[in-house]
């Protein structure tokens, strides 16, 4: 299939990104580069200097809202991607509204309880909507352990599913980027099988 045909197909879809940190910012950029039609990005945080080691932001964006900084960066990559940004803390009460027209949601949180909350909310309030989550991306090396596993018809897990972030095993750009791009690739695999 030609790249233009792929882009023509993908521009019909809307992907939600829950979190705009290391996973979310890198996944959003990868999807923008493929020609996805719309990205719905939700986060409440601002860009800090410490984020620059693994997140898709720049020195001159320190202090800006992540959602707005990422929207600006995506516009420099692909002006045809529509970005809808929500600067807020994601909760069970607002997930159905924020991501209501999305074809897939990417979970890109740091904290385990937020990951579980998103999965449970989508499965209970938005049944049938695919969710691509991340688990196990800390440290370095051992990349052969990183994979995507389909749990059921709507839940996919990307990562090694074991490596937890700690002081000795921080999230570093290479593995974070590998998992974020694997999430983006999983989204593409889902969408390329869909008709719109």
C-alpha atoms as a PDB file:
ATOM      1  CA  UNK A   1       0.000   0.000   0.000  1.00  0.00           C
ATOM      2  CA  UNK A   2       1.354   3.447  -0.914  1.00  0.00           C
ATOM      3  CA  UNK A   3       2.142   5.957   1.836  1.00  0.00           C
ATOM      4  CA  UNK A   4      -0.455   8.387   0.455  1.00  0.00           C
ATOM      5  CA  UNK A   5      -3.154   5.692   0.648  1.00  0.00           C
ATOM      6  CA  UNK A   6      -2.159   5.015   4.264  1.00  0.00           C
ATOM      7  CA  UNK A   7      -2.343   8.738   5.093  1.00  0.00           C
ATOM      8  CA  UNK A   8      -5.706   9.045   3.312  1.00  0.00           C
ATOM      9  CA  UNK A   9      -7.041   6.201   5.461  1.00  0.00           C
ATOM     10  CA  UNK A  10      -5.567   7.446   8.769  1.00  0.00           C
ATOM     11  CA  UNK A  11      -6.824  11.017   8.384  1.00  0.00           C
ATOM     12  CA  UNK A  12     -10.344   9.648   9.045  1.00  0.00           C
ATOM     13  CA  UNK A  13      -9.521   8.660  12.630  1.00  0.00           C
ATOM     14  CA  UNK A  14      -9.295  10.301  16.031  1.00  0.00           C
ATOM     15  CA  UNK A  15      -6.864   9.027  18.679  1.00  0.00           C
ATOM     16  CA  UNK A  16      -6.956   9.984  22.341  1.00  0.00           C
ATOM     17  CA  UNK A  17      -3.721  10.416  24.275  1.00  0.00           C
ATOM     18  CA  UNK A  18      -4.196  10.291  28.062  1.00  0.00           C
ATOM     19  CA  UNK A  19      -1.064  11.966  29.402  1.00  0.00           C
ATOM     20  CA  UNK A  20       1.503  14.128  27.580  1.00  0.00           C
ATOM     21  CA  UNK A  21       4.751  13.066  29.254  1.00  0.00           C
ATOM     22  CA  UNK A  22       7.410  10.692  27.935  1.00  0.00           C
ATOM     23  CA  UNK A  23       4.998   8.154  26.486  1.00  0.00           C
ATOM     24  CA  UNK A  24       2.245  10.517  25.410  1.00  0.00           C
ATOM     25  CA  UNK A  25       4.378  13.191  23.761  1.00  0.00           C
ATOM     26  CA  UNK A  26       6.485  10.692  21.812  1.00  0.00           C
ATOM     27  CA  UNK A  27       3.487   8.585  20.794  1.00  0.00           C
ATOM     28  CA  UNK A  28       1.574  11.684  19.651  1.00  0.00           C
ATOM     29  CA  UNK A  29       4.509  12.814  17.507  1.00  0.00           C
ATOM     30  CA  UNK A  30       4.843   9.361  15.924  1.00  0.00           C
ATOM     31  CA  UNK A  31       1.124   9.341  15.091  1.00  0.00           C
ATOM     32  CA  UNK A  32       1.302  12.881  13.695  1.00  0.00           C
ATOM     33  CA  UNK A  33       4.129  11.813  11.400  1.00  0.00           C
ATOM     34  CA  UNK A  34       1.930   9.022   9.973  1.00  0.00           C
ATOM     35  CA  UNK A  35      -0.870  11.447   9.123  1.00  0.00           C
ATOM     36  CA  UNK A  36      -3.477  10.617  11.758  1.00  0.00           C
ATOM     37  CA  UNK A  37      -6.479  12.927  11.364  1.00  0.00           C
ATOM     38  CA  UNK A  38      -7.110  14.120  14.915  1.00  0.00           C
ATOM     39  CA  UNK A  39      -5.305  13.785  18.226  1.00  0.00           C
ATOM     40  CA  UNK A  40      -7.130  14.462  21.496  1.00  0.00           C
ATOM     41  CA  UNK A  41      -4.470  15.154  24.128  1.00  0.00           C
ATOM     42  CA  UNK A  42      -5.278  15.480  27.837  1.00  0.00           C
ATOM     43  CA  UNK A  43      -2.836  16.425  30.617  1.00  0.00           C
ATOM     44  CA  UNK A  44      -2.694  19.030  33.395  1.00  0.00           C
ATOM     45  CA  UNK A  45       1.078  19.454  33.805  1.00  0.00           C
ATOM     46  CA  UNK A  46       3.631  22.009  32.610  1.00  0.00           C
ATOM     47  CA  UNK A  47       6.959  21.373  30.898  1.00  0.00           C
ATOM     48  CA  UNK A  48       9.865  21.232  33.347  1.00  0.00           C
ATOM     49  CA  UNK A  49      13.587  21.059  32.622  1.00  0.00           C
ATOM     50  CA  UNK A  50      13.725  17.477  33.943  1.00  0.00           C
ATOM     51  CA  UNK A  51      11.188  16.429  31.291  1.00  0.00           C
ATOM     52  CA  UNK A  52      13.554  17.222  28.442  1.00  0.00           C
ATOM     53  CA  UNK A  53      15.547  14.026  28.967  1.00  0.00           C
ATOM     54  CA  UNK A  54      12.735  11.836  27.588  1.00  0.00           C
ATOM     55  CA  UNK A  55       9.762  13.966  26.527  1.00  0.00           C
ATOM     56  CA  UNK A  56       9.160  15.690  23.182  1.00  0.00           C
ATOM     57  CA  UNK A  57       9.659  19.260  24.407  1.00  0.00           C
ATOM     58  CA  UNK A  58      12.358  21.905  24.102  1.00  0.00           C
ATOM     59  CA  UNK A  59      14.205  24.345  26.374  1.00  0.00           C
ATOM     60  CA  UNK A  60      12.155  27.323  25.211  1.00  0.00           C
ATOM     61  CA  UNK A  61       8.943  25.486  26.245  1.00  0.00           C
ATOM     62  CA  UNK A  62       9.799  25.175  29.948  1.00  0.00           C
ATOM     63  CA  UNK A  63       6.865  26.526  31.953  1.00  0.00           C
ATOM     64  CA  UNK A  64       4.308  26.031  29.181  1.00  0.00           C
ATOM     65  CA  UNK A  65       1.352  23.685  29.509  1.00  0.00           C
ATOM     66  CA  UNK A  66       2.341  20.322  28.055  1.00  0.00           C
ATOM     67  CA  UNK A  67      -0.863  20.129  26.029  1.00  0.00           C
ATOM     68  CA  UNK A  68      -0.195  23.480  24.345  1.00  0.00           C
ATOM     69  CA  UNK A  69       3.540  22.873  23.845  1.00  0.00           C
ATOM     70  CA  UNK A  70       2.833  19.486  22.257  1.00  0.00           C
ATOM     71  CA  UNK A  71       0.163  21.013  20.032  1.00  0.00           C
ATOM     72  CA  UNK A  72       2.737  23.562  18.830  1.00  0.00           C
ATOM     73  CA  UNK A  73       5.335  20.861  18.172  1.00  0.00           C
ATOM     74  CA  UNK A  74       2.886  18.743  16.208  1.00  0.00           C
ATOM     75  CA  UNK A  75       1.930  21.737  14.060  1.00  0.00           C
ATOM     76  CA  UNK A  76       5.608  22.057  13.090  1.00  0.00           C
ATOM     77  CA  UNK A  77       5.677  18.388  12.061  1.00  0.00           C
ATOM     78  CA  UNK A  78       2.335  18.030  10.280  1.00  0.00           C
ATOM     79  CA  UNK A  79       0.059  21.040   9.914  1.00  0.00           C
ATOM     80  CA  UNK A  80      -2.801  18.810   8.727  1.00  0.00           C
ATOM     81  CA  UNK A  81      -3.192  17.014  12.071  1.00  0.00           C
ATOM     82  CA  UNK A  82      -5.994  18.499  14.139  1.00  0.00           C
ATOM     83  CA  UNK A  83      -5.023  18.645  17.822  1.00  0.00           C
ATOM     84  CA  UNK A  84      -7.690  19.039  20.490  1.00  0.00           C
ATOM     85  CA  UNK A  85      -6.055  19.736  23.833  1.00  0.00           C
ATOM     86  CA  UNK A  86      -7.584  19.440  27.286  1.00  0.00           C
ATOM     87  CA  UNK A  87      -5.581  20.969  30.103  1.00  0.00           C
ATOM     88  CA  UNK A  88      -7.050  19.109  33.063  1.00  0.00           C
ATOM     89  CA  UNK A  89      -6.628  16.197  35.435  1.00  0.00           C
ATOM     90  CA  UNK A  90      -8.213  13.121  33.888  1.00  0.00           C
ATOM     91  CA  UNK A  91     -10.815  11.395  36.066  1.00  0.00           C
ATOM     92  CA  UNK A  92     -13.551   8.758  35.714  1.00  0.00           C
ATOM     93  CA  UNK A  93     -16.065  11.580  35.458  1.00  0.00           C
ATOM     94  CA  UNK A  94     -14.497  13.328  32.460  1.00  0.00           C
ATOM     95  CA  UNK A  95     -12.965  10.479  30.427  1.00  0.00           C
ATOM     96  CA  UNK A  96     -16.169   9.698  28.464  1.00  0.00           C
ATOM     97  CA  UNK A  97     -16.569  13.363  27.504  1.00  0.00           C
ATOM     98  CA  UNK A  98     -12.915  14.045  26.621  1.00  0.00           C
ATOM     99  CA  UNK A  99     -12.471  10.920  24.493  1.00  0.00           C
ATOM    100  CA  UNK A 100     -16.081  10.466  23.293  1.00  0.00           C
ATOM    101  CA  UNK A 101     -15.379  10.418  19.546  1.00  0.00           C
ATOM    102  CA  UNK A 102     -12.021   8.637  19.642  1.00  0.00           C
ATOM    103  CA  UNK A 103     -11.378   5.425  17.751  1.00  0.00           C
ATOM    104  CA  UNK A 104      -8.547   4.362  20.100  1.00  0.00           C
ATOM    105  CA  UNK A 105      -7.152   5.678  23.401  1.00  0.00           C
ATOM    106  CA  UNK A 106      -3.464   5.562  24.331  1.00  0.00           C
ATOM    107  CA  UNK A 107      -2.751   5.372  28.069  1.00  0.00           C
ATOM    108  CA  UNK A 108       0.398   7.353  28.852  1.00  0.00           C
ATOM    109  CA  UNK A 109       0.432   7.824  32.628  1.00  0.00           C
ATOM    110  CA  UNK A 110       3.287   7.364  35.075  1.00  0.00           C
ATOM    111  CA  UNK A 111       1.274   6.082  38.016  1.00  0.00           C
ATOM    112  CA  UNK A 112      -0.206   2.587  38.196  1.00  0.00           C
ATOM    113  CA  UNK A 113      -3.455   3.753  39.815  1.00  0.00           C
ATOM    114  CA  UNK A 114      -4.082   6.215  36.967  1.00  0.00           C
ATOM    115  CA  UNK A 115      -3.486   3.466  34.412  1.00  0.00           C
ATOM    116  CA  UNK A 116      -5.981   1.182  36.171  1.00  0.00           C
ATOM    117  CA  UNK A 117      -8.515   4.006  36.504  1.00  0.00           C
ATOM    118  CA  UNK A 118      -8.409   4.756  32.774  1.00  0.00           C
ATOM    119  CA  UNK A 119      -8.745   1.104  31.760  1.00  0.00           C
ATOM    120  CA  UNK A 120     -11.648   0.476  34.160  1.00  0.00           C
ATOM    121  CA  UNK A 121     -13.464   3.656  33.138  1.00  0.00           C
ATOM    122  CA  UNK A 122     -13.179   2.968  29.413  1.00  0.00           C
ATOM    123  CA  UNK A 123     -14.181  -0.683  29.772  1.00  0.00           C
ATOM    124  CA  UNK A 124     -17.202   0.215  31.939  1.00  0.00           C
ATOM    125  CA  UNK A 125     -18.387   3.460  30.321  1.00  0.00           C
ATOM    126  CA  UNK A 126     -17.093   3.118  26.740  1.00  0.00           C
ATOM    127  CA  UNK A 127     -17.236  -0.622  26.004  1.00  0.00           C
ATOM    128  CA  UNK A 128     -15.644  -1.749  22.765  1.00  0.00           C
ATOM    129  CA  UNK A 129     -13.196   1.173  22.566  1.00  0.00           C
ATOM    130  CA  UNK A 130      -9.591  -0.092  22.206  1.00  0.00           C
ATOM    131  CA  UNK A 131      -7.043   1.060  24.803  1.00  0.00           C
ATOM    132  CA  UNK A 132      -3.290   0.756  24.286  1.00  0.00           C
ATOM    133  CA  UNK A 133      -1.451   0.857  27.615  1.00  0.00           C
ATOM    134  CA  UNK A 134       2.215   0.763  28.643  1.00  0.00           C
ATOM    135  CA  UNK A 135       3.825  -1.350  31.329  1.00  0.00           C
ATOM    136  CA  UNK A 136       7.518  -1.994  31.899  1.00  0.00           C
ATOM    137  CA  UNK A 137       9.774   0.609  30.285  1.00  0.00           C
ATOM    138  CA  UNK A 138      12.314   1.643  32.932  1.00  0.00           C
ATOM    139  CA  UNK A 139      16.069   1.467  32.638  1.00  0.00           C
ATOM    140  CA  UNK A 140      18.071   0.441  29.607  1.00  0.00           C
ATOM    141  CA  UNK A 141      18.937  -2.572  27.477  1.00  0.00           C
ATOM    142  CA  UNK A 142      16.993  -5.818  27.292  1.00  0.00           C
ATOM    143  CA  UNK A 143      14.966  -4.418  24.395  1.00  0.00           C
ATOM    144  CA  UNK A 144      14.144  -7.904  23.139  1.00  0.00           C
ATOM    145  CA  UNK A 145      11.768  -8.186  26.127  1.00  0.00           C
ATOM    146  CA  UNK A 146       9.650  -5.253  24.920  1.00  0.00           C
ATOM    147  CA  UNK A 147       6.570  -6.360  23.022  1.00  0.00           C
ATOM    148  CA  UNK A 148       2.883  -5.709  22.499  1.00  0.00           C
ATOM    149  CA  UNK A 149       0.483  -8.226  23.964  1.00  0.00           C
ATOM    150  CA  UNK A 150      -3.198  -8.313  23.091  1.00  0.00           C
ATOM    151  CA  UNK A 151      -5.109  -9.028  26.302  1.00  0.00           C
ATOM    152  CA  UNK A 152      -8.556  -9.092  24.686  1.00  0.00           C
ATOM    153  CA  UNK A 153     -10.390  -7.458  21.775  1.00  0.00           C
ATOM    154  CA  UNK A 154      -9.983  -3.973  23.267  1.00  0.00           C
ATOM    155  CA  UNK A 155      -6.892  -4.022  25.526  1.00  0.00           C
ATOM    156  CA  UNK A 156      -3.268  -4.033  24.388  1.00  0.00           C
ATOM    157  CA  UNK A 157      -0.180  -3.795  26.637  1.00  0.00           C
ATOM    158  CA  UNK A 158       3.159  -2.474  25.336  1.00  0.00           C
ATOM    159  CA  UNK A 159       6.404  -2.897  27.273  1.00  0.00           C
ATOM    160  CA  UNK A 160       8.155  -5.712  29.095  1.00  0.00           C
ATOM    161  CA  UNK A 161       5.391  -5.752  31.754  1.00  0.00           C
ATOM    162  CA  UNK A 162       7.925  -6.223  34.569  1.00  0.00           C
ATOM    163  CA  UNK A 163      10.466  -3.389  34.787  1.00  0.00           C
ATOM    164  CA  UNK A 164       9.179  -0.821  37.273  1.00  0.00           C
ATOM    165  CA  UNK A 165      10.497   2.714  37.588  1.00  0.00           C
ATOM    166  CA  UNK A 166      12.739   3.225  40.636  1.00  0.00           C
ATOM    167  CA  UNK A 167      15.740   5.325  41.663  1.00  0.00           C
ATOM    168  CA  UNK A 168      18.013   2.607  40.278  1.00  0.00           C
ATOM    169  CA  UNK A 169      15.903   2.090  37.124  1.00  0.00           C
ATOM    170  CA  UNK A 170      14.631   5.484  35.979  1.00  0.00           C
ATOM    171  CA  UNK A 171      12.667   6.030  32.776  1.00  0.00           C
ATOM    172  CA  UNK A 172      15.285   6.884  30.142  1.00  0.00           C
ATOM    173  CA  UNK A 173      14.678   8.225  26.646  1.00  0.00           C
ATOM    174  CA  UNK A 174      15.609   5.115  24.602  1.00  0.00           C
ATOM    175  CA  UNK A 175      13.251   2.609  26.267  1.00  0.00           C
ATOM    176  CA  UNK A 176      10.517   5.204  26.788  1.00  0.00           C
ATOM    177  CA  UNK A 177      10.767   6.017  23.080  1.00  0.00           C
ATOM    178  CA  UNK A 178      10.688   2.345  22.079  1.00  0.00           C
ATOM    179  CA  UNK A 179       7.511   1.726  24.096  1.00  0.00           C
ATOM    180  CA  UNK A 180       5.859   4.992  22.948  1.00  0.00           C
ATOM    181  CA  UNK A 181       6.544   4.108  19.327  1.00  0.00           C
ATOM    182  CA  UNK A 182       5.288   0.559  19.892  1.00  0.00           C
ATOM    183  CA  UNK A 183       2.076   2.072  21.257  1.00  0.00           C
ATOM    184  CA  UNK A 184       1.801   4.250  18.135  1.00  0.00           C
ATOM    185  CA  UNK A 185       2.440   1.224  15.906  1.00  0.00           C
ATOM    186  CA  UNK A 186      -0.253  -0.735  17.757  1.00  0.00           C
ATOM    187  CA  UNK A 187      -2.694   2.126  17.176  1.00  0.00           C
ATOM    188  CA  UNK A 188      -1.854   2.010  13.464  1.00  0.00           C
ATOM    189  CA  UNK A 189      -2.380  -1.743  13.362  1.00  0.00           C
ATOM    190  CA  UNK A 190      -5.834  -1.297  14.925  1.00  0.00           C
ATOM    191  CA  UNK A 191      -6.833   1.575  12.634  1.00  0.00           C
ATOM    192  CA  UNK A 192      -5.552   0.040   9.406  1.00  0.00           C
ATOM    193  CA  UNK A 193      -7.981  -2.843   9.970  1.00  0.00           C
ATOM    194  CA  UNK A 194     -10.923  -0.465  10.509  1.00  0.00           C
ATOM    195  CA  UNK A 195     -13.181   0.975   7.886  1.00  0.00           C
ATOM    196  CA  UNK A 196     -14.350   4.532   8.203  1.00  0.00           C
END
